[in-house]
Amino acid sequence: MGGLQKKIRVLVVDDSAFVRRAILRMFEKSPDIEVVGVAANGESAVELARSLRPDVITLDVQMPVLDGLSALELIMKECPAPVIMFSCLTGKGAEKTMKALDIGAVDFVDKSSAGGAMDIGALAKELTGKIKVAAGVDLEKLRAAARKAGTAPPSRGRTKGEGAEVVVMGTSTGGPPALQQVLGRMQPPPCPILIVQHMPPGFTASLAARLDRHSALTVREASDGEVVVAGNVYLAPAGWHMRLRRKDGALQVWLDPVPGGHLHCPSVDALFDSAAEVCGDRALGVVLTGMGKDGAAGARAIKKAGGRIVVETEETAIVYGMPKAVADAVSVDAAVPLYQVSDAIAGMI
């Protein structure tokens, strides 16, 4: 047997004494995670990040003295570490969370769910999983993604490809800045784009608005029954599976809350399966950074129908779980770094 596994050292930053105590209790007996420091404001967070050099930081968005976004910017600049934001849907919490992901946060947890004993238990499970993922993130990739999230190269003409009726995309951890980079590099395509991003309810509308502002494409949260239009981007609302169906010859969004055996809701597999069934060999699936294997089964369905698959490579993926699972499951048509994904899509539509 080998030696004892090193615990993940975590710095907890939150202005709520209740939340700080709750997180300390969560991990006091954990064999994998150790809380090495706590702070009640952003200024103390930066100081402790410099001195403790934690493996992961949990950081509240709303704080006194120095707010979470300002603290995050200083941490990423002076003493980079994987950061998980603690957010809340009240006020501008969702929009600030999207900004935090742009700055370089790995992921976030909805703090508004921590309302009672049952919620704390669910939160502990979610936070444990996200801390373990964050601890394994390559900081150079994270910082590169943050630098490029808000930038777009000069627009260029579309490359004529074999044609696609629809582009379906899936992503999870690290997805918001990745999507911003991909969509920000695209001109309005001759087909609609449908996207599943794993995210809690209440945050997808803010993400859609942010992607819309930072690209030449029209991006919005999808509505049940709407006809999808070429050049527009439709983001699945959290808590609903987004599928495609055809009615009177037109492609429509079908929002379905039924789990259907899927681990995530929305599910990349559910979207990809429907694209394969409805669009056949004119479906193009794209899988970006994310933990787990959502999208692998759907990619098999698209390939079986004669469609094509693009995945982000390990070179740039913040978490190379989902793209790897797809690449292991099927023969992909293109495996490219994030900054080439838009070109790969353009060449196939």
Protein backbone atom coordinates (compact mmCIF):
# COMPACT_ATOMS: atom_id res chain seq x y z
CA MET A 1 0.00 0.00 0.00
CA GLY A 2 1.15 3.55 -0.74
CA GLY A 3 1.38 6.43 1.69
CA LEU A 4 -1.52 8.51 2.86
CA GLN A 5 -3.14 10.61 0.14
CA LYS A 6 -2.59 14.33 0.56
CA LYS A 7 -5.76 16.22 1.50
CA ILE A 8 -7.05 19.06 -0.65
CA ARG A 9 -6.34 22.30 1.25
CA VAL A 10 -9.30 24.69 1.07
CA LEU A 11 -9.67 28.36 2.00
CA VAL A 12 -13.28 29.29 2.82
CA VAL A 13 -14.36 32.90 2.27
CA ASP A 14 -17.88 34.05 3.18
CA ASP A 15 -19.33 36.98 5.11
CA SER A 16 -21.96 34.67 6.65
CA ALA A 17 -20.81 33.08 9.91
CA PHE A 18 -23.51 30.43 9.38
CA VAL A 19 -22.08 29.39 6.00
CA ARG A 20 -18.49 29.39 7.31
CA ARG A 21 -19.47 27.13 10.23
CA ALA A 22 -21.51 24.87 7.93
CA ILE A 23 -18.56 24.32 5.59
CA LEU A 24 -16.19 23.70 8.48
CA ARG A 25 -18.59 21.03 9.78
CA MET A 26 -18.91 19.49 6.31
CA PHE A 27 -15.21 18.72 6.11
CA GLU A 28 -14.09 18.29 9.73
CA LYS A 29 -14.05 14.49 9.30
CA SER A 30 -13.35 14.36 5.57
CA PRO A 31 -10.50 12.05 4.51
CA ASP A 32 -9.99 14.11 1.34
CA ILE A 33 -10.56 17.79 2.17
CA GLU A 34 -9.12 20.05 4.86
CA VAL A 35 -10.19 23.64 5.58
CA VAL A 36 -6.92 25.50 6.20
CA GLY A 37 -8.34 28.98 6.66
CA VAL A 38 -11.52 31.09 6.79
CA ALA A 39 -12.13 34.73 5.91
CA ALA A 40 -15.16 37.02 6.20
CA ASN A 41 -14.29 39.54 3.48
CA GLY A 42 -12.41 39.83 0.21
CA GLU A 43 -9.44 41.70 1.62
CA SER A 44 -8.73 38.96 4.15
CA ALA A 45 -9.28 36.39 1.40
CA VAL A 46 -6.50 37.84 -0.74
CA GLU A 47 -4.12 38.03 2.23
CA LEU A 48 -4.80 34.41 3.22
CA ALA A 49 -4.55 33.22 -0.38
CA ARG A 50 -1.07 34.79 -0.55
CA SER A 51 0.12 33.27 2.73
CA LEU A 52 -1.60 29.87 2.74
CA ARG A 53 -1.43 29.05 -0.97
CA PRO A 54 -4.53 26.80 -0.77
CA ASP A 55 -5.33 24.15 -3.36
CA VAL A 56 -8.90 25.48 -3.77
CA ILE A 57 -10.76 28.60 -2.61
CA THR A 58 -14.52 28.92 -2.03
CA LEU A 59 -15.39 32.59 -2.45
CA ASP A 60 -18.63 34.43 -1.75
CA VAL A 61 -19.77 36.87 -4.44
CA GLN A 62 -21.32 39.46 -2.09
CA MET A 63 -18.95 40.61 0.69
CA PRO A 64 -17.95 43.74 2.62
CA VAL A 65 -14.60 45.59 2.47
CA LEU A 66 -13.67 43.98 -0.85
CA ASP A 67 -16.34 42.19 -2.88
CA GLY A 68 -15.91 38.73 -4.33
CA LEU A 69 -15.26 39.78 -7.93
CA SER A 70 -12.56 42.27 -6.91
CA ALA A 71 -10.97 39.66 -4.64
CA LEU A 72 -11.10 37.08 -7.45
CA GLU A 73 -9.31 39.44 -9.85
CA LEU A 74 -6.51 40.01 -7.32
CA ILE A 75 -6.21 36.31 -6.50
CA MET A 76 -5.98 35.32 -10.18
CA LYS A 77 -3.36 38.01 -10.74
CA GLU A 78 -1.21 37.63 -7.61
CA CYS A 79 -1.64 34.09 -6.26
CA PRO A 80 -3.71 32.01 -8.72
CA ALA A 81 -5.76 29.15 -7.34
CA PRO A 82 -8.87 27.28 -8.52
CA VAL A 83 -11.86 29.22 -7.16
CA ILE A 84 -15.44 28.06 -6.62
CA MET A 85 -17.85 30.97 -6.22
CA PHE A 86 -20.70 30.96 -3.72
CA SER A 87 -23.54 32.78 -5.42
CA CYS A 88 -27.16 33.65 -4.83
CA LEU A 89 -30.02 34.35 -7.21
CA THR A 90 -31.14 37.49 -5.39
CA GLY A 91 -30.40 40.85 -6.98
CA LYS A 92 -27.60 40.70 -9.53
CA GLY A 93 -26.11 37.48 -8.15
CA ALA A 94 -26.49 35.45 -11.35
CA GLU A 95 -24.94 38.14 -13.55
CA LYS A 96 -22.02 38.56 -11.13
CA THR A 97 -21.51 34.81 -11.18
CA MET A 98 -21.20 34.85 -14.98
CA LYS A 99 -18.64 37.64 -14.64
CA ALA A 100 -16.70 35.57 -12.07
CA LEU A 101 -16.49 32.66 -14.52
CA ASP A 102 -15.12 35.08 -17.12
CA ILE A 103 -12.48 36.32 -14.68
CA GLY A 104 -11.29 32.77 -13.99
CA ALA A 105 -13.46 31.00 -11.41
CA VAL A 106 -13.72 27.27 -12.12
CA ASP A 107 -17.32 26.81 -11.04
CA PHE A 108 -19.98 28.04 -8.63
CA VAL A 109 -22.46 26.81 -6.04
CA ASP A 110 -25.89 28.36 -5.46
CA LYS A 111 -25.73 29.45 -1.82
CA SER A 112 -29.47 30.13 -1.72
CA SER A 113 -30.00 26.35 -1.56
CA ALA A 114 -28.39 26.20 1.91
CA GLY A 115 -31.61 26.85 3.79
CA GLY A 116 -31.91 23.90 6.15
CA ALA A 117 -30.51 20.58 7.33
CA MET A 118 -31.57 18.66 4.20
CA ASP A 119 -30.23 21.39 1.91
CA ILE A 120 -26.91 21.50 3.75
CA GLY A 121 -26.51 17.77 3.14
CA ALA A 122 -27.13 18.20 -0.60
CA LEU A 123 -24.82 21.21 -0.67
CA ALA A 124 -22.05 19.21 1.02
CA LYS A 125 -22.25 16.53 -1.67
CA GLU A 126 -22.22 19.09 -4.48
CA LEU A 127 -19.40 21.13 -2.97
CA THR A 128 -17.25 18.06 -2.29
CA GLY A 129 -17.49 16.99 -5.91
CA LYS A 130 -16.71 20.46 -7.23
CA ILE A 131 -13.73 20.92 -4.90
CA LYS A 132 -12.25 17.62 -6.09
CA VAL A 133 -12.69 18.66 -9.74
CA ALA A 134 -11.27 22.15 -9.08
CA ALA A 135 -8.21 20.73 -7.34
CA GLY A 136 -7.26 18.93 -10.54
CA VAL A 137 -7.69 21.91 -12.87
CA ASP A 138 -4.66 23.15 -14.82
CA LEU A 139 -4.28 26.80 -13.76
CA GLU A 140 -2.55 27.80 -16.98
CA LYS A 141 -5.53 26.60 -19.01
CA LEU A 142 -7.86 28.42 -16.63
CA ARG A 143 -5.97 31.69 -16.91
CA ALA A 144 -5.74 31.37 -20.70
CA ALA A 145 -9.51 30.80 -20.94
CA ALA A 146 -10.16 33.85 -18.75
CA ARG A 147 -7.90 36.03 -20.91
CA LYS A 148 -9.62 34.95 -24.13
CA ALA A 149 -13.23 34.78 -22.94
CA GLY A 150 -14.03 38.36 -23.82
CA THR A 151 -12.01 38.63 -27.02
CA ALA A 152 -12.94 37.89 -30.60
CA PRO A 153 -10.75 38.02 -33.72
CA PRO A 154 -11.74 40.03 -36.79
CA SER A 155 -14.79 38.54 -38.47
CA ARG A 156 -14.12 36.39 -41.50
CA GLY A 157 -16.14 34.65 -44.16
CA ARG A 158 -17.63 31.25 -43.56
CA THR A 159 -15.96 28.22 -45.14
CA LYS A 160 -18.35 26.27 -47.32
CA GLY A 161 -18.82 22.81 -45.81
CA GLU A 162 -21.02 19.79 -46.40
CA GLY A 163 -24.01 21.43 -44.76
CA ALA A 164 -25.73 20.94 -41.42
CA GLU A 165 -29.36 21.55 -40.50
CA VAL A 166 -28.54 22.09 -36.85
CA VAL A 167 -25.54 22.44 -34.54
CA VAL A 168 -26.00 20.98 -31.05
CA MET A 169 -23.45 21.73 -28.34
CA GLY A 170 -22.84 20.43 -24.84
CA THR A 171 -20.60 21.58 -22.01
CA SER A 172 -20.34 21.69 -18.22
CA THR A 173 -17.51 22.83 -15.90
CA GLY A 174 -15.58 25.63 -17.62
CA GLY A 175 -18.34 26.02 -20.17
CA PRO A 176 -19.46 29.67 -19.91
CA PRO A 177 -16.12 31.25 -20.91
CA ALA A 178 -15.57 28.47 -23.48
CA LEU A 179 -18.96 29.19 -25.07
CA GLN A 180 -18.21 32.91 -25.05
CA GLN A 181 -14.97 32.29 -26.92
CA VAL A 182 -16.54 29.95 -29.49
CA LEU A 183 -19.65 32.05 -30.18
CA GLY A 184 -17.64 35.28 -30.09
CA ARG A 185 -15.56 34.00 -33.01
CA MET A 186 -18.55 33.02 -35.16
CA GLN A 187 -20.55 34.83 -37.79
CA PRO A 188 -24.30 34.00 -37.84
CA PRO A 189 -24.42 30.49 -39.34
CA PRO A 190 -26.91 29.19 -41.94
CA CYS A 191 -28.48 26.94 -39.30
CA PRO A 192 -29.60 27.23 -35.66
CA ILE A 193 -27.36 26.33 -32.70
CA LEU A 194 -28.79 24.63 -29.61
CA ILE A 195 -26.71 24.46 -26.41
CA VAL A 196 -26.89 22.50 -23.17
CA GLN A 197 -24.78 23.93 -20.33
CA HIS A 198 -25.00 22.13 -16.98
CA MET A 199 -26.13 24.87 -14.60
CA PRO A 200 -28.61 25.29 -11.71
CA PRO A 201 -32.04 26.87 -12.32
CA GLY A 202 -31.98 30.66 -12.43
CA PHE A 203 -28.56 31.13 -14.03
CA THR A 204 -29.13 30.18 -17.68
CA ALA A 205 -31.03 33.38 -18.51
CA SER A 206 -28.06 35.47 -17.33
CA LEU A 207 -25.65 33.29 -19.29
CA ALA A 208 -27.74 33.63 -22.45
CA ALA A 209 -27.88 37.43 -22.04
CA ARG A 210 -24.11 37.57 -21.53
CA LEU A 211 -23.38 35.41 -24.58
CA ASP A 212 -25.76 37.54 -26.63
CA ARG A 213 -23.91 40.74 -25.65
CA HIS A 214 -20.49 39.29 -26.48
CA SER A 215 -21.17 37.78 -29.90
CA ALA A 216 -22.58 38.68 -33.31
CA LEU A 217 -25.20 35.96 -32.87
CA THR A 218 -28.64 36.27 -31.29
CA VAL A 219 -28.52 34.16 -28.12
CA ARG A 220 -31.46 33.53 -25.81
CA GLU A 221 -32.86 31.01 -23.37
CA ALA A 222 -35.06 28.60 -25.29
CA SER A 223 -38.86 28.53 -25.00
CA ASP A 224 -41.01 25.45 -25.45
CA GLY A 225 -42.52 25.13 -28.91
CA GLU A 226 -40.59 27.95 -30.58
CA VAL A 227 -39.39 27.42 -34.13
CA VAL A 228 -35.58 27.55 -34.30
CA VAL A 229 -34.18 30.06 -36.77
CA ALA A 230 -30.90 29.95 -38.70
CA GLY A 231 -28.24 32.18 -37.13
CA ASN A 232 -29.85 32.11 -33.69
CA VAL A 233 -28.56 30.32 -30.58
CA TYR A 234 -30.88 28.63 -28.07
CA LEU A 235 -29.69 27.81 -24.55
CA ALA A 236 -31.51 25.08 -22.63
CA PRO A 237 -33.11 26.46 -19.46
CA ALA A 238 -31.81 24.69 -16.36
CA GLY A 239 -34.18 22.03 -15.06
CA TRP A 240 -35.54 21.18 -18.52
CA HIS A 241 -34.32 18.74 -21.15
CA MET A 242 -34.17 20.50 -24.52
CA ARG A 243 -35.03 18.31 -27.49
CA LEU A 244 -35.78 18.92 -31.15
CA ARG A 245 -38.90 17.92 -33.02
CA ARG A 246 -40.23 18.67 -36.49
CA LYS A 247 -43.70 20.10 -37.06
CA ASP A 248 -45.01 21.14 -40.47
CA GLY A 249 -41.45 20.84 -41.78
CA ALA A 250 -39.98 23.28 -39.22
CA LEU A 251 -37.61 22.44 -36.37
CA GLN A 252 -39.03 23.25 -32.94
CA VAL A 253 -37.76 23.28 -29.39
CA TRP A 254 -39.35 20.76 -27.06
CA LEU A 255 -38.72 21.37 -23.37
CA ASP A 256 -39.29 18.31 -21.21
CA PRO A 257 -38.75 18.07 -17.41
CA VAL A 258 -38.99 14.25 -17.35
CA PRO A 259 -35.62 12.73 -16.25
CA GLY A 260 -35.75 9.90 -18.80
CA GLY A 261 -32.84 8.10 -17.15
CA HIS A 262 -30.45 11.04 -17.55
CA LEU A 263 -28.12 12.11 -14.74
CA HIS A 264 -28.21 15.80 -15.71
CA CYS A 265 -31.16 18.06 -16.50
CA PRO A 266 -30.71 19.47 -19.06
CA SER A 267 -28.87 16.57 -20.62
CA VAL A 268 -26.47 16.76 -23.57
CA ASP A 269 -27.39 13.17 -24.45
CA ALA A 270 -31.11 14.06 -24.63
CA LEU A 271 -30.42 16.96 -27.02
CA PHE A 272 -28.01 14.94 -29.18
CA ASP A 273 -30.37 11.94 -29.34
CA SER A 274 -33.18 14.14 -30.63
CA ALA A 275 -30.92 15.83 -33.18
CA ALA A 276 -29.88 12.42 -34.49
CA GLU A 277 -33.50 11.27 -34.73
CA VAL A 278 -34.87 14.45 -36.33
CA CYS A 279 -31.96 15.69 -38.47
CA GLY A 280 -30.05 12.47 -39.18
CA ASP A 281 -26.85 13.00 -41.16
CA ARG A 282 -27.36 16.79 -41.07
CA ALA A 283 -26.77 16.99 -37.31
CA LEU A 284 -23.46 18.38 -36.07
CA GLY A 285 -22.60 17.74 -32.41
CA VAL A 286 -19.97 19.71 -30.50
CA VAL A 287 -18.69 18.83 -27.01
CA LEU A 288 -16.57 21.21 -24.95
CA THR A 289 -15.02 21.15 -21.47
CA GLY A 290 -16.90 19.37 -18.68
CA MET A 291 -16.82 16.70 -16.00
CA GLY A 292 -18.33 13.28 -16.63
CA LYS A 293 -19.54 11.59 -19.81
CA ASP A 294 -22.77 13.38 -20.74
CA GLY A 295 -22.78 13.56 -24.53
CA ALA A 296 -21.01 10.27 -25.23
CA ALA A 297 -24.20 8.26 -25.79
CA GLY A 298 -25.70 11.13 -27.81
CA ALA A 299 -22.59 11.35 -29.95
CA ARG A 300 -22.94 7.67 -30.76
CA ALA A 301 -26.53 8.32 -31.88
CA ILE A 302 -25.46 11.23 -34.12
CA LYS A 303 -22.65 9.19 -35.70
CA LYS A 304 -24.97 6.22 -36.24
CA ALA A 305 -27.36 8.56 -38.07
CA GLY A 306 -24.49 9.75 -40.29
CA GLY A 307 -23.91 13.09 -38.57
CA ARG A 308 -20.63 14.58 -37.41
CA ILE A 309 -18.93 15.29 -34.09
CA VAL A 310 -16.40 17.94 -32.98
CA VAL A 311 -14.67 17.84 -29.57
CA GLU A 312 -12.35 20.19 -27.72
CA THR A 313 -8.90 18.72 -27.12
CA GLU A 314 -7.15 18.22 -23.81
CA GLU A 315 -4.77 21.06 -24.75
CA THR A 316 -7.37 23.69 -23.79
CA ALA A 317 -10.20 21.90 -21.97
CA ILE A 318 -10.46 23.09 -18.36
CA VAL A 319 -11.88 19.65 -17.51
CA TYR A 320 -11.24 16.99 -20.16
CA GLY A 321 -13.99 14.64 -19.00
CA MET A 322 -16.85 15.05 -21.46
CA PRO A 323 -14.72 15.56 -24.61
CA LYS A 324 -12.60 12.51 -23.71
CA ALA A 325 -15.67 10.36 -23.11
CA VAL A 326 -16.99 11.31 -26.56
CA ALA A 327 -13.60 10.77 -28.26
CA ASP A 328 -13.40 7.35 -26.60
CA ALA A 329 -16.94 6.48 -27.70
CA VAL A 330 -16.86 7.46 -31.38
CA SER A 331 -14.54 8.37 -34.23
CA VAL A 332 -14.78 12.16 -34.07
CA ASP A 333 -14.64 14.27 -37.23
CA ALA A 334 -12.52 16.97 -35.59
CA ALA A 335 -10.64 17.22 -32.28
CA VAL A 336 -9.35 20.77 -31.93
CA PRO A 337 -8.29 23.26 -29.23
CA LEU A 338 -10.95 25.73 -28.12
CA TYR A 339 -9.66 28.56 -30.29
CA GLN A 340 -10.23 26.42 -33.40
CA VAL A 341 -13.70 25.09 -32.55
CA SER A 342 -15.52 27.93 -34.35
CA ASP A 343 -13.46 27.28 -37.49
CA ALA A 344 -14.19 23.55 -37.30
CA ILE A 345 -17.92 24.28 -37.03
CA ALA A 346 -17.78 26.77 -39.91
CA GLY A 347 -16.11 24.17 -42.11
CA MET A 348 -18.98 21.73 -41.57
CA ILE A 349 -22.02 23.98 -42.00
